[in-house]
Amino acid sequence: MIRTIAFANALATVAAAGSVVCAILSLLAPDFVMGIAQTWPHLLNLELIRATTSPGVGSIITGVITFAIVAWLWGYAWAWTYNRFAGPA
């Protein structure tokens, strides 16, 4: 059995940390981030939807918080569902 709250907390923490790293990289090396992102969706040109301004501090903070909340909810749901399928040992 997976401890649902511990799993959700861990996922939210890792997601928030990743979001902060991504935000910092986006501010310091936007071309690097765009280059990495461009390799993920094959046959799509992300340059066409690239932001023309850097994100503000408020936007970054809101993004980190909401991303962590969504990650926590998904982590909890995943662990809860896993425990239901795993059943008693």
Protein backbone atom coordinates (compact mmCIF):
# COMPACT_ATOMS: atom_id res chain seq x y z
CA MET A 1 0.00 0.00 0.00
CA ILE A 2 1.14 3.49 -0.82
CA ARG A 3 0.67 6.23 1.76
CA THR A 4 -1.54 8.54 -0.28
CA ILE A 5 -0.79 11.81 1.49
CA ALA A 6 2.96 11.16 1.61
CA PHE A 7 2.95 10.31 -2.10
CA ALA A 8 0.92 13.42 -2.96
CA ASN A 9 3.21 15.60 -0.83
CA ALA A 10 6.30 14.18 -2.55
CA LEU A 11 4.87 14.71 -6.03
CA ALA A 12 3.77 18.27 -5.24
CA THR A 13 7.22 19.09 -3.84
CA VAL A 14 9.04 17.73 -6.88
CA ALA A 15 6.59 19.47 -9.24
CA ALA A 16 7.02 22.82 -7.46
CA ALA A 17 10.81 22.49 -7.53
CA GLY A 18 10.73 21.63 -11.21
CA SER A 19 8.47 24.58 -11.89
CA VAL A 20 10.86 26.95 -10.09
CA VAL A 21 13.84 25.58 -12.05
CA CYS A 22 11.91 25.97 -15.31
CA ALA A 23 10.91 29.54 -14.43
CA ILE A 24 14.49 30.49 -13.59
CA LEU A 25 15.76 28.93 -16.81
CA SER A 26 13.03 30.71 -18.77
CA LEU A 27 14.22 34.03 -17.38
CA LEU A 28 17.96 33.38 -17.75
CA ALA A 29 18.10 31.26 -20.91
CA PRO A 30 14.82 31.49 -22.83
CA ASP A 31 16.35 30.22 -26.08
CA PHE A 32 17.68 27.14 -24.28
CA VAL A 33 14.25 26.36 -22.80
CA MET A 34 12.58 26.92 -26.16
CA GLY A 35 15.12 24.65 -27.82
CA ILE A 36 14.34 21.85 -25.37
CA ALA A 37 10.59 22.39 -25.60
CA GLN A 38 10.73 22.34 -29.39
CA THR A 39 12.07 18.77 -29.34
CA TRP A 40 8.97 17.41 -27.57
CA PRO A 41 6.02 18.07 -29.92
CA HIS A 42 7.20 16.60 -33.22
CA LEU A 43 6.10 18.50 -36.33
CA LEU A 44 4.88 21.54 -34.37
CA ASN A 45 6.61 24.91 -34.51
CA LEU A 46 6.47 26.40 -31.01
CA GLU A 47 8.12 29.61 -32.22
CA LEU A 48 4.69 30.62 -33.53
CA ILE A 49 3.27 30.71 -29.99
CA ARG A 50 6.36 31.89 -28.13
CA ALA A 51 5.74 34.60 -25.54
CA THR A 52 7.09 38.02 -26.43
CA THR A 53 7.73 39.08 -22.83
CA SER A 54 9.26 37.39 -19.79
CA PRO A 55 6.89 36.16 -17.09
CA GLY A 56 6.45 38.43 -14.08
CA VAL A 57 7.10 37.42 -10.49
CA GLY A 58 3.37 37.20 -9.73
CA SER A 59 2.80 34.97 -12.72
CA ILE A 60 5.67 32.70 -11.71
CA ILE A 61 4.45 32.42 -8.11
CA THR A 62 0.87 31.70 -9.24
CA GLY A 63 2.17 29.09 -11.69
CA VAL A 64 4.30 27.31 -9.08
CA ILE A 65 1.47 27.24 -6.53
CA THR A 66 -1.23 26.06 -8.92
CA PHE A 67 1.09 23.48 -10.51
CA ALA A 68 1.94 22.10 -7.05
CA ILE A 69 -1.76 21.93 -6.12
CA VAL A 70 -2.66 20.07 -9.30
CA ALA A 71 0.30 17.72 -8.82
CA TRP A 72 -0.81 17.04 -5.23
CA LEU A 73 -4.36 16.23 -6.37
CA TRP A 74 -3.10 13.96 -9.15
CA GLY A 75 -0.64 12.26 -6.77
CA TYR A 76 -3.34 11.65 -4.19
CA ALA A 77 -5.75 10.33 -6.83
CA TRP A 78 -3.06 8.09 -8.30
CA ALA A 79 -2.04 6.61 -4.93
CA TRP A 80 -5.67 6.15 -3.85
CA THR A 81 -6.51 4.39 -7.11
CA TYR A 82 -3.39 2.24 -6.93
CA ASN A 83 -4.28 1.16 -3.39
CA ARG A 84 -7.78 0.20 -4.53
CA PHE A 85 -6.41 -1.97 -7.35
CA ALA A 86 -3.65 -3.46 -5.18
CA GLY A 87 -6.14 -4.59 -2.55
CA PRO A 88 -5.10 -6.42 0.59
CA ALA A 89 -1.67 -8.05 0.49
